[in-house]
């Protein structure tokens, strides 16, 4: 993304949500302060070129900082989010580092590394390149160094990905509660 944020609706600096096509502002906008929200078109804001730095809705349930040339890892949430071991659940969205997926359909559990390895729950996702830890993707080569048999992990399957978050020592009960809560949120949004 060298020219701007991904295509989407963003505040154009005038208080309106305007369509950014990935490289420039378009004429299309909506004004959320109006009682009847309608798609409108005008000449566009005076800004040309790439989007300036600022907080933008990334379309994934959070605000992310755009530094003028690329997304950074800085993120803001609604204030109603719950987080544990680096996994954030905010309404319909789940976040883990730079990853964001809808919460609907997610399945979570709290397991020791030895159980995960014994059941073979990590080998296929690592080979398929869909296993992620706090440092990013976990490949088969990184798997032995990424999973400690005695450690506890929050294991989340969401939208074709597997997230593996290490649980801080002594917080195993909190990890089980958070996994149960993720499953409840997932079920709540499954059919909405």
N, C-alpha and C. Protein backbone atom coordinates (compact mmCIF):
# COMPACT_ATOMS: atom_id res chain seq x y z
N UNK A 1 0.82 -1.17 0.00
CA UNK A 1 0.00 0.00 0.00
C UNK A 1 0.87 1.24 0.00
N UNK A 2 1.32 1.66 -1.10
CA UNK A 2 2.20 2.80 -1.14
C UNK A 2 1.49 4.12 -1.30
N UNK A 3 0.23 4.18 -1.78
CA UNK A 3 -0.41 5.45 -2.06
C UNK A 3 -1.46 5.85 -1.04
N UNK A 4 -1.94 4.96 -0.23
CA UNK A 4 -2.95 5.32 0.75
C UNK A 4 -3.57 4.10 1.36
N UNK A 5 -4.51 4.34 2.27
CA UNK A 5 -5.21 3.21 2.89
C UNK A 5 -5.99 2.42 1.83
N UNK A 6 -6.41 1.23 2.22
CA UNK A 6 -7.24 0.41 1.33
C UNK A 6 -8.52 1.16 1.02
N UNK A 7 -9.16 0.79 -0.09
CA UNK A 7 -10.42 1.41 -0.47
C UNK A 7 -11.42 1.26 0.65
N UNK A 8 -12.20 2.31 0.90
CA UNK A 8 -13.22 2.25 1.95
C UNK A 8 -13.76 3.62 2.27
N UNK A 9 -14.72 3.67 3.20
CA UNK A 9 -15.31 4.93 3.65
C UNK A 9 -14.46 5.48 4.78
N UNK A 10 -14.04 6.74 4.64
CA UNK A 10 -13.21 7.41 5.64
C UNK A 10 -13.69 8.83 5.84
N UNK A 11 -13.42 9.38 7.02
CA UNK A 11 -13.67 10.79 7.26
C UNK A 11 -12.72 11.58 6.37
N UNK A 12 -13.27 12.48 5.54
CA UNK A 12 -12.44 13.22 4.59
C UNK A 12 -11.87 14.51 5.15
N UNK A 13 -12.06 14.74 6.44
CA UNK A 13 -11.54 15.96 7.06
C UNK A 13 -12.60 17.04 7.18
N UNK A 14 -13.74 16.85 6.51
CA UNK A 14 -14.82 17.84 6.58
C UNK A 14 -15.96 17.33 7.46
N UNK A 15 -15.80 16.16 8.06
CA UNK A 15 -16.86 15.58 8.88
C UNK A 15 -17.74 14.62 8.11
N UNK A 16 -17.53 14.49 6.82
CA UNK A 16 -18.30 13.56 5.98
C UNK A 16 -17.50 12.27 5.80
N UNK A 17 -18.21 11.19 5.55
CA UNK A 17 -17.56 9.93 5.18
C UNK A 17 -17.50 9.91 3.66
N UNK A 18 -16.30 9.86 3.11
CA UNK A 18 -16.12 9.90 1.67
C UNK A 18 -15.44 8.61 1.23
N UNK A 19 -15.74 8.17 0.01
CA UNK A 19 -15.15 6.95 -0.51
C UNK A 19 -13.73 7.23 -1.00
N UNK A 20 -12.77 6.48 -0.42
CA UNK A 20 -11.37 6.51 -0.84
C UNK A 20 -11.18 5.27 -1.69
N UNK A 21 -10.77 5.41 -2.96
CA UNK A 21 -10.71 4.25 -3.86
C UNK A 21 -9.40 3.49 -3.77
N UNK A 22 -8.55 3.84 -2.82
CA UNK A 22 -7.26 3.18 -2.66
C UNK A 22 -6.11 4.06 -3.12
N UNK A 23 -6.43 5.09 -3.92
CA UNK A 23 -5.39 6.00 -4.37
C UNK A 23 -5.83 7.47 -4.35
N UNK A 24 -7.17 7.70 -4.33
CA UNK A 24 -7.64 9.08 -4.30
C UNK A 24 -9.07 9.13 -3.76
N UNK A 25 -9.48 10.32 -3.32
CA UNK A 25 -10.85 10.54 -2.89
C UNK A 25 -11.75 10.56 -4.12
N UNK A 26 -12.96 10.01 -4.01
CA UNK A 26 -13.93 10.09 -5.10
C UNK A 26 -14.94 11.18 -4.77
N UNK A 27 -15.91 11.36 -5.66
CA UNK A 27 -16.96 12.36 -5.44
C UNK A 27 -18.02 11.86 -4.47
N UNK A 28 -18.09 10.55 -4.23
CA UNK A 28 -19.15 9.96 -3.42
C UNK A 28 -18.91 10.16 -1.93
N UNK A 29 -19.97 10.61 -1.23
CA UNK A 29 -19.87 10.79 0.21
C UNK A 29 -21.22 10.56 0.87
N UNK A 30 -21.19 10.35 2.18
CA UNK A 30 -22.40 10.32 3.00
C UNK A 30 -22.14 11.20 4.20
N UNK A 31 -23.19 11.84 4.67
CA UNK A 31 -23.08 12.70 5.84
C UNK A 31 -23.87 12.02 6.96
N UNK A 32 -23.17 11.45 7.93
CA UNK A 32 -23.82 10.67 8.99
C UNK A 32 -24.60 11.55 9.96
N UNK A 33 -24.42 12.88 9.90
CA UNK A 33 -25.15 13.76 10.82
C UNK A 33 -26.56 14.05 10.31
N UNK A 34 -26.86 13.73 9.05
CA UNK A 34 -28.18 13.95 8.50
C UNK A 34 -29.13 12.85 8.95
N UNK A 35 -30.42 13.19 9.17
CA UNK A 35 -31.38 12.16 9.61
C UNK A 35 -31.58 11.06 8.58
N UNK A 36 -31.61 11.40 7.29
CA UNK A 36 -31.74 10.39 6.24
C UNK A 36 -30.39 10.30 5.54
N UNK A 37 -29.73 9.18 5.71
CA UNK A 37 -28.40 9.02 5.13
C UNK A 37 -28.55 8.61 3.68
N UNK A 38 -28.01 9.43 2.79
CA UNK A 38 -28.07 9.17 1.36
C UNK A 38 -26.69 9.28 0.75
N UNK A 39 -26.46 8.50 -0.29
CA UNK A 39 -25.21 8.61 -1.03
C UNK A 39 -25.29 9.85 -1.89
N UNK A 40 -24.28 10.70 -1.79
CA UNK A 40 -24.24 11.94 -2.56
C UNK A 40 -22.93 12.03 -3.32
N UNK A 41 -22.88 12.96 -4.24
CA UNK A 41 -21.66 13.19 -5.00
C UNK A 41 -21.42 14.68 -5.13
N UNK A 42 -20.18 15.09 -5.05
CA UNK A 42 -19.80 16.48 -5.27
C UNK A 42 -18.39 16.50 -5.84
N UNK A 43 -17.81 17.66 -5.88
CA UNK A 43 -16.47 17.78 -6.48
C UNK A 43 -15.39 17.15 -5.63
N UNK A 44 -15.70 16.79 -4.41
CA UNK A 44 -14.71 16.17 -3.54
C UNK A 44 -13.99 17.18 -2.69
N UNK A 45 -13.27 16.71 -1.69
CA UNK A 45 -12.54 17.62 -0.82
C UNK A 45 -11.35 18.22 -1.56
N UNK A 46 -10.79 19.29 -1.05
CA UNK A 46 -9.67 19.91 -1.73
C UNK A 46 -8.41 19.06 -1.72
N UNK A 47 -8.38 18.00 -0.91
CA UNK A 47 -7.20 17.16 -0.81
C UNK A 47 -7.05 16.32 -2.07
N UNK A 48 -5.86 16.27 -2.62
CA UNK A 48 -5.57 15.38 -3.75
C UNK A 48 -4.38 14.52 -3.36
N UNK A 49 -4.12 13.49 -4.13
CA UNK A 49 -3.01 12.60 -3.80
C UNK A 49 -3.40 11.62 -2.73
N UNK A 50 -2.44 11.22 -1.92
CA UNK A 50 -2.72 10.19 -0.92
C UNK A 50 -3.34 10.78 0.33
N UNK A 51 -3.97 9.93 1.10
CA UNK A 51 -4.60 10.36 2.34
C UNK A 51 -3.53 10.81 3.33
N UNK A 52 -3.83 11.88 4.06
CA UNK A 52 -2.89 12.38 5.05
C UNK A 52 -2.84 11.47 6.26
N UNK A 53 -1.85 11.71 7.11
CA UNK A 53 -1.76 10.86 8.29
C UNK A 53 -2.95 11.10 9.19
N UNK A 54 -3.30 10.07 9.93
CA UNK A 54 -4.41 10.18 10.86
C UNK A 54 -4.99 8.82 11.19
N UNK A 55 -6.01 8.87 12.05
CA UNK A 55 -6.74 7.66 12.44
C UNK A 55 -7.84 7.43 11.43
N UNK A 56 -7.90 6.22 10.88
CA UNK A 56 -8.92 5.86 9.91
C UNK A 56 -9.55 4.54 10.33
N UNK A 57 -10.84 4.41 10.05
CA UNK A 57 -11.51 3.14 10.26
C UNK A 57 -10.95 2.18 9.22
N UNK A 58 -10.39 1.07 9.66
CA UNK A 58 -9.78 0.14 8.71
C UNK A 58 -10.77 -0.88 8.15
N UNK A 59 -12.06 -0.68 8.48
CA UNK A 59 -13.08 -1.59 7.98
C UNK A 59 -13.13 -2.90 8.74
N UNK A 60 -12.38 -2.99 9.81
CA UNK A 60 -12.29 -4.21 10.60
C UNK A 60 -12.60 -3.96 12.07
N UNK A 61 -13.46 -2.99 12.33
CA UNK A 61 -13.91 -2.77 13.70
C UNK A 61 -12.93 -2.03 14.59
N UNK A 62 -12.02 -1.28 14.02
CA UNK A 62 -11.07 -0.52 14.82
C UNK A 62 -10.57 0.68 14.02
N UNK A 63 -9.97 1.60 14.71
CA UNK A 63 -9.28 2.73 14.08
C UNK A 63 -7.80 2.39 14.05
N UNK A 64 -7.14 2.62 12.90
CA UNK A 64 -5.70 2.39 12.81
C UNK A 64 -5.02 3.66 12.32
N UNK A 65 -3.79 3.85 12.74
CA UNK A 65 -3.03 5.02 12.37
C UNK A 65 -2.40 4.82 11.00
N UNK A 66 -2.71 5.74 10.08
CA UNK A 66 -2.11 5.79 8.75
C UNK A 66 -1.06 6.88 8.81
N UNK A 67 0.23 6.56 8.55
CA UNK A 67 1.29 7.55 8.71
C UNK A 67 1.52 8.40 7.46
N UNK A 68 0.62 8.29 6.50
CA UNK A 68 0.74 9.04 5.26
C UNK A 68 1.22 8.18 4.11
N UNK A 69 1.86 7.05 4.44
CA UNK A 69 2.34 6.14 3.40
C UNK A 69 1.96 4.68 3.66
N UNK A 70 1.71 4.33 4.93
CA UNK A 70 1.36 2.94 5.24
C UNK A 70 0.64 2.86 6.57
N UNK A 71 -0.07 1.72 6.80
CA UNK A 71 -0.69 1.46 8.10
C UNK A 71 0.40 1.16 9.11
N UNK A 72 0.22 1.61 10.33
CA UNK A 72 1.12 1.24 11.42
C UNK A 72 0.41 0.20 12.28
N UNK A 73 1.07 -0.29 13.31
CA UNK A 73 0.44 -1.26 14.22
C UNK A 73 -0.43 -0.59 15.28
N UNK A 74 -0.40 0.75 15.37
CA UNK A 74 -1.18 1.47 16.37
C UNK A 74 -2.67 1.32 16.05
N UNK A 75 -3.45 0.95 17.06
CA UNK A 75 -4.88 0.75 16.88
C UNK A 75 -5.64 1.28 18.08
N UNK A 76 -6.86 1.75 17.82
CA UNK A 76 -7.78 2.19 18.87
C UNK A 76 -9.06 1.39 18.71
N UNK A 77 -9.66 1.06 19.84
CA UNK A 77 -10.89 0.29 19.82
C UNK A 77 -12.03 1.12 20.39
N UNK A 78 -13.19 0.52 20.53
CA UNK A 78 -14.40 1.25 20.93
C UNK A 78 -14.43 1.68 22.39
N UNK A 79 -13.62 1.08 23.22
CA UNK A 79 -13.71 1.32 24.66
C UNK A 79 -14.54 0.25 25.36
N UNK A 80 -15.23 -0.58 24.58
CA UNK A 80 -16.04 -1.67 25.11
C UNK A 80 -15.37 -3.02 24.91
N UNK A 81 -14.15 -3.01 24.38
CA UNK A 81 -13.47 -4.26 24.05
C UNK A 81 -13.01 -5.00 25.30
N UNK A 82 -12.80 -6.30 25.12
CA UNK A 82 -12.19 -7.14 26.15
C UNK A 82 -10.96 -7.78 25.53
N UNK A 83 -9.90 -7.88 26.32
CA UNK A 83 -8.68 -8.46 25.77
C UNK A 83 -8.01 -9.36 26.80
N UNK A 84 -7.27 -10.31 26.26
CA UNK A 84 -6.49 -11.22 27.09
C UNK A 84 -5.42 -11.83 26.22
N UNK A 85 -4.20 -11.88 26.71
CA UNK A 85 -3.06 -12.53 26.05
C UNK A 85 -2.84 -12.02 24.62
N UNK A 86 -3.17 -10.76 24.38
CA UNK A 86 -2.95 -10.17 23.07
C UNK A 86 -4.11 -10.31 22.10
N UNK A 87 -5.16 -11.01 22.50
CA UNK A 87 -6.35 -11.14 21.66
C UNK A 87 -7.38 -10.14 22.16
N UNK A 88 -7.92 -9.35 21.24
CA UNK A 88 -8.90 -8.31 21.57
C UNK A 88 -10.21 -8.67 20.88
N UNK A 89 -11.31 -8.64 21.64
CA UNK A 89 -12.64 -8.84 21.07
C UNK A 89 -13.41 -7.55 21.30
N UNK A 90 -13.83 -6.95 20.19
CA UNK A 90 -14.54 -5.68 20.25
C UNK A 90 -15.79 -5.78 19.38
N UNK A 91 -16.91 -6.09 20.02
CA UNK A 91 -18.14 -6.26 19.26
C UNK A 91 -18.06 -7.47 18.36
N UNK A 92 -18.30 -7.24 17.08
CA UNK A 92 -18.32 -8.32 16.09
C UNK A 92 -16.93 -8.75 15.62
N UNK A 93 -15.88 -8.07 16.06
CA UNK A 93 -14.53 -8.31 15.53
C UNK A 93 -13.58 -8.83 16.59
N UNK A 94 -12.65 -9.68 16.13
CA UNK A 94 -11.56 -10.18 16.98
C UNK A 94 -10.26 -9.72 16.34
N UNK A 95 -9.30 -9.36 17.17
CA UNK A 95 -8.02 -8.85 16.69
C UNK A 95 -6.88 -9.57 17.41
N UNK A 96 -5.81 -9.82 16.68
CA UNK A 96 -4.60 -10.43 17.24
C UNK A 96 -3.44 -9.85 16.45
N UNK A 97 -2.74 -8.90 17.05
CA UNK A 97 -1.70 -8.19 16.32
C UNK A 97 -2.32 -7.45 15.15
N UNK A 98 -1.79 -7.65 13.96
CA UNK A 98 -2.32 -6.99 12.76
C UNK A 98 -3.51 -7.75 12.17
N UNK A 99 -3.85 -8.92 12.71
CA UNK A 99 -4.94 -9.72 12.17
C UNK A 99 -6.28 -9.29 12.76
N UNK A 100 -7.30 -9.29 11.93
CA UNK A 100 -8.67 -8.98 12.37
C UNK A 100 -9.62 -9.88 11.61
N UNK A 101 -10.55 -10.48 12.32
CA UNK A 101 -11.54 -11.35 11.71
C UNK A 101 -12.87 -11.18 12.44
N UNK A 102 -13.99 -11.44 11.75
CA UNK A 102 -15.28 -11.41 12.42
C UNK A 102 -15.33 -12.47 13.52
N UNK A 103 -15.96 -12.14 14.63
CA UNK A 103 -16.04 -13.06 15.77
C UNK A 103 -16.97 -14.25 15.50
N UNK A 104 -17.95 -14.06 14.62
CA UNK A 104 -18.92 -15.13 14.34
C UNK A 104 -18.21 -16.38 13.85
N UNK A 105 -18.52 -17.50 14.46
CA UNK A 105 -17.94 -18.78 14.05
C UNK A 105 -16.62 -19.14 14.68
N UNK A 106 -16.06 -18.26 15.50
CA UNK A 106 -14.78 -18.55 16.16
C UNK A 106 -14.98 -19.62 17.23
N UNK A 107 -13.94 -20.41 17.46
CA UNK A 107 -13.92 -21.41 18.52
C UNK A 107 -12.64 -21.23 19.31
N UNK A 108 -12.75 -21.17 20.63
CA UNK A 108 -11.58 -20.94 21.46
C UNK A 108 -11.50 -21.96 22.58
N UNK A 109 -10.25 -22.24 22.99
CA UNK A 109 -10.02 -23.10 24.15
C UNK A 109 -8.69 -22.71 24.77
N UNK A 110 -8.48 -23.17 25.96
CA UNK A 110 -7.22 -22.94 26.67
C UNK A 110 -6.57 -24.31 26.83
N UNK A 111 -5.38 -24.47 26.25
CA UNK A 111 -4.71 -25.77 26.23
C UNK A 111 -3.23 -25.62 26.55
N UNK A 112 -2.64 -26.69 27.07
CA UNK A 112 -1.18 -26.67 27.25
C UNK A 112 -0.53 -26.99 25.91
N UNK A 113 0.71 -26.60 25.78
CA UNK A 113 1.46 -26.90 24.56
C UNK A 113 1.54 -28.38 24.29
N UNK A 114 1.69 -29.18 25.36
CA UNK A 114 1.79 -30.63 25.16
C UNK A 114 0.50 -31.21 24.60
N UNK A 115 -0.65 -30.73 25.04
CA UNK A 115 -1.93 -31.20 24.52
C UNK A 115 -2.08 -30.80 23.05
N UNK A 116 -1.73 -29.55 22.73
CA UNK A 116 -1.84 -29.08 21.35
C UNK A 116 -0.94 -29.90 20.42
N UNK A 117 0.27 -30.18 20.87
CA UNK A 117 1.21 -30.95 20.05
C UNK A 117 0.78 -32.41 19.95
N UNK A 118 0.31 -32.99 21.07
CA UNK A 118 -0.10 -34.39 21.10
C UNK A 118 -1.30 -34.63 20.18
N UNK A 119 -2.25 -33.70 20.20
CA UNK A 119 -3.45 -33.85 19.37
C UNK A 119 -3.18 -33.48 17.90
N UNK A 120 -2.03 -32.97 17.61
CA UNK A 120 -1.70 -32.60 16.23
C UNK A 120 -2.48 -31.39 15.73
N UNK A 121 -2.85 -30.52 16.64
CA UNK A 121 -3.67 -29.36 16.26
C UNK A 121 -2.88 -28.23 15.62
N UNK A 122 -1.56 -28.32 15.61
CA UNK A 122 -0.75 -27.21 15.10
C UNK A 122 -0.02 -27.52 13.80
N UNK A 123 0.26 -28.78 13.53
CA UNK A 123 1.05 -29.15 12.36
C UNK A 123 0.41 -28.75 11.04
N UNK A 124 -0.85 -29.10 10.84
CA UNK A 124 -1.53 -28.77 9.58
C UNK A 124 -1.68 -27.26 9.40
N UNK A 125 -2.11 -26.51 10.44
CA UNK A 125 -2.19 -25.05 10.25
C UNK A 125 -0.83 -24.42 9.96
N UNK A 126 0.23 -24.93 10.59
CA UNK A 126 1.57 -24.38 10.32
C UNK A 126 1.96 -24.65 8.87
N UNK A 127 1.71 -25.87 8.38
CA UNK A 127 2.03 -26.23 7.00
C UNK A 127 1.20 -25.41 6.02
N UNK A 128 -0.06 -25.17 6.35
CA UNK A 128 -0.95 -24.39 5.48
C UNK A 128 -0.70 -22.89 5.60
N UNK A 129 0.20 -22.50 6.49
CA UNK A 129 0.55 -21.08 6.71
C UNK A 129 -0.62 -20.26 7.24
N UNK A 130 -1.43 -20.90 8.10
CA UNK A 130 -2.56 -20.20 8.71
C UNK A 130 -2.45 -20.16 10.24
N UNK A 131 -1.29 -20.53 10.77
CA UNK A 131 -1.05 -20.52 12.22
C UNK A 131 -0.28 -19.24 12.56
N UNK A 132 -0.83 -18.48 13.53
CA UNK A 132 -0.22 -17.20 13.90
C UNK A 132 -0.04 -17.11 15.41
N UNK A 133 1.10 -16.56 15.80
CA UNK A 133 1.40 -16.27 17.20
C UNK A 133 1.58 -14.77 17.35
N UNK A 134 1.99 -14.32 18.53
CA UNK A 134 2.16 -12.88 18.75
C UNK A 134 3.19 -12.25 17.81
N UNK A 135 4.15 -13.03 17.34
CA UNK A 135 5.18 -12.51 16.44
C UNK A 135 4.84 -12.66 14.97
N UNK A 136 3.65 -13.14 14.66
CA UNK A 136 3.25 -13.32 13.26
C UNK A 136 3.07 -14.79 12.93
N UNK A 137 3.27 -15.11 11.67
CA UNK A 137 3.04 -16.46 11.17
C UNK A 137 4.02 -17.47 11.78
N UNK A 138 3.47 -18.65 12.14
CA UNK A 138 4.29 -19.74 12.65
C UNK A 138 4.33 -20.81 11.57
N UNK A 139 5.51 -21.05 11.03
CA UNK A 139 5.70 -22.05 9.98
C UNK A 139 6.12 -23.37 10.63
N UNK A 140 6.13 -24.46 9.87
CA UNK A 140 6.57 -25.73 10.45
C UNK A 140 7.98 -25.66 11.05
N UNK A 141 8.84 -24.90 10.42
CA UNK A 141 10.21 -24.77 10.93
C UNK A 141 10.25 -24.01 12.26
N UNK A 142 9.34 -23.05 12.44
CA UNK A 142 9.30 -22.27 13.67
C UNK A 142 8.49 -22.93 14.79
N UNK A 143 7.68 -23.91 14.43
CA UNK A 143 6.78 -24.54 15.39
C UNK A 143 7.48 -25.07 16.64
N UNK A 144 8.58 -25.83 16.53
CA UNK A 144 9.22 -26.36 17.74
C UNK A 144 9.71 -25.26 18.70
N UNK A 145 10.12 -24.13 18.15
CA UNK A 145 10.59 -23.03 19.00
C UNK A 145 9.45 -22.17 19.51
N UNK A 146 8.28 -22.25 18.88
CA UNK A 146 7.16 -21.38 19.23
C UNK A 146 6.24 -21.96 20.30
N UNK A 147 6.27 -23.28 20.48
CA UNK A 147 5.35 -23.93 21.41
C UNK A 147 6.14 -24.66 22.48
N UNK A 148 5.90 -24.30 23.72
CA UNK A 148 6.54 -24.95 24.87
C UNK A 148 5.52 -25.92 25.48
N UNK A 149 5.91 -27.15 25.69
CA UNK A 149 5.00 -28.19 26.17
C UNK A 149 4.33 -27.82 27.50
N UNK A 150 5.06 -27.21 28.41
CA UNK A 150 4.51 -26.92 29.74
C UNK A 150 3.70 -25.63 29.79
N UNK A 151 3.81 -24.79 28.78
CA UNK A 151 3.10 -23.51 28.78
C UNK A 151 1.64 -23.70 28.39
N UNK A 152 0.80 -22.74 28.78
CA UNK A 152 -0.62 -22.75 28.42
C UNK A 152 -0.84 -21.71 27.33
N UNK A 153 -1.74 -22.03 26.40
CA UNK A 153 -2.03 -21.15 25.26
C UNK A 153 -3.52 -20.96 25.10
N UNK A 154 -3.88 -19.79 24.63
CA UNK A 154 -5.23 -19.54 24.18
C UNK A 154 -5.23 -19.94 22.71
N UNK A 155 -6.02 -20.93 22.35
CA UNK A 155 -6.06 -21.51 21.01
C UNK A 155 -7.38 -21.08 20.38
N UNK A 156 -7.31 -20.28 19.30
CA UNK A 156 -8.52 -19.74 18.67
C UNK A 156 -8.52 -20.08 17.19
N UNK A 157 -9.59 -20.73 16.75
CA UNK A 157 -9.80 -20.98 15.33
C UNK A 157 -10.83 -19.97 14.86
N UNK A 158 -10.44 -19.12 13.89
CA UNK A 158 -11.33 -18.06 13.43
C UNK A 158 -11.10 -17.81 11.94
N UNK A 159 -12.16 -17.88 11.17
CA UNK A 159 -12.16 -17.54 9.75
C UNK A 159 -11.01 -18.19 8.98
N UNK A 160 -10.80 -19.48 9.20
CA UNK A 160 -9.76 -20.20 8.46
C UNK A 160 -8.35 -19.97 8.97
N UNK A 161 -8.21 -19.31 10.10
CA UNK A 161 -6.90 -19.09 10.71
C UNK A 161 -6.89 -19.73 12.09
N UNK A 162 -5.67 -19.96 12.60
CA UNK A 162 -5.50 -20.45 13.97
C UNK A 162 -4.58 -19.46 14.68
N UNK A 163 -5.07 -18.93 15.80
CA UNK A 163 -4.30 -17.98 16.60
C UNK A 163 -3.84 -18.68 17.86
N UNK A 164 -2.58 -18.54 18.20
CA UNK A 164 -1.99 -19.19 19.36
C UNK A 164 -1.36 -18.12 20.24
N UNK A 165 -2.02 -17.81 21.35
CA UNK A 165 -1.55 -16.75 22.24
C UNK A 165 -1.07 -17.34 23.55
N UNK A 166 0.19 -17.10 23.92
CA UNK A 166 0.70 -17.62 25.20
C UNK A 166 -0.02 -16.96 26.38
N UNK A 167 -0.40 -17.78 27.34
CA UNK A 167 -1.09 -17.30 28.54
C UNK A 167 -0.03 -17.00 29.61
N UNK A 168 -0.09 -15.82 30.21
CA UNK A 168 0.88 -15.51 31.27
C UNK A 168 0.76 -16.53 32.41
N UNK A 169 1.88 -16.90 33.00
CA UNK A 169 1.91 -17.87 34.10
C UNK A 169 0.98 -17.43 35.22
N UNK A 170 0.22 -18.37 35.74
CA UNK A 170 -0.70 -18.09 36.84
C UNK A 170 -2.05 -17.56 36.39
N UNK A 171 -2.27 -17.40 35.09
CA UNK A 171 -3.54 -16.87 34.60
C UNK A 171 -4.33 -17.89 33.78
N UNK A 172 -4.13 -19.16 34.10
CA UNK A 172 -4.80 -20.22 33.36
C UNK A 172 -6.31 -20.17 33.54
N UNK A 173 -6.80 -19.86 34.75
CA UNK A 173 -8.25 -19.76 34.99
C UNK A 173 -8.85 -18.62 34.17
N UNK A 174 -8.15 -17.48 34.10
CA UNK A 174 -8.62 -16.34 33.31
C UNK A 174 -8.66 -16.71 31.82
N UNK A 175 -7.68 -17.52 31.38
CA UNK A 175 -7.64 -17.96 29.98
C UNK A 175 -8.86 -18.82 29.65
N UNK A 176 -9.22 -19.72 30.57
CA UNK A 176 -10.41 -20.56 30.34
C UNK A 176 -11.68 -19.70 30.28
N UNK A 177 -11.77 -18.72 31.18
CA UNK A 177 -12.93 -17.82 31.17
C UNK A 177 -13.00 -17.01 29.88
N UNK A 178 -11.85 -16.51 29.42
CA UNK A 178 -11.83 -15.72 28.19
C UNK A 178 -12.21 -16.58 26.99
N UNK A 179 -11.72 -17.82 26.95
CA UNK A 179 -12.09 -18.74 25.86
C UNK A 179 -13.59 -18.99 25.85
N UNK A 180 -14.17 -19.18 27.02
CA UNK A 180 -15.62 -19.38 27.13
C UNK A 180 -16.36 -18.14 26.65
N UNK A 181 -15.85 -16.96 27.01
CA UNK A 181 -16.48 -15.71 26.59
C UNK A 181 -16.39 -15.55 25.06
N UNK A 182 -15.23 -15.87 24.45
CA UNK A 182 -15.10 -15.81 22.99
C UNK A 182 -16.14 -16.71 22.33
N UNK A 183 -16.31 -17.91 22.85
CA UNK A 183 -17.29 -18.85 22.28
C UNK A 183 -18.71 -18.30 22.39
N UNK A 184 -19.02 -17.62 23.50
CA UNK A 184 -20.35 -17.03 23.67
C UNK A 184 -20.56 -15.89 22.68
N UNK A 185 -19.56 -15.03 22.51
CA UNK A 185 -19.65 -13.92 21.54
C UNK A 185 -19.80 -14.49 20.13
N UNK A 186 -19.02 -15.51 19.82
CA UNK A 186 -19.07 -16.15 18.51
C UNK A 186 -20.47 -16.66 18.22
N UNK A 187 -21.05 -17.33 19.17
CA UNK A 187 -22.40 -17.87 19.00
C UNK A 187 -23.43 -16.75 18.88
N UNK A 188 -23.25 -15.69 19.65
CA UNK A 188 -24.17 -14.55 19.61
C UNK A 188 -24.22 -13.94 18.21
N UNK A 189 -23.07 -13.80 17.55
CA UNK A 189 -23.01 -13.15 16.24
C UNK A 189 -23.11 -14.13 15.06
N UNK A 190 -23.24 -15.41 15.35
CA UNK A 190 -23.27 -16.41 14.28
C UNK A 190 -24.36 -16.14 13.24
N UNK A 191 -25.53 -15.77 13.67
CA UNK A 191 -26.66 -15.61 12.74
C UNK A 191 -27.13 -14.17 12.62
N UNK A 192 -26.31 -13.22 13.03
CA UNK A 192 -26.70 -11.80 12.96
C UNK A 192 -26.02 -11.11 11.83
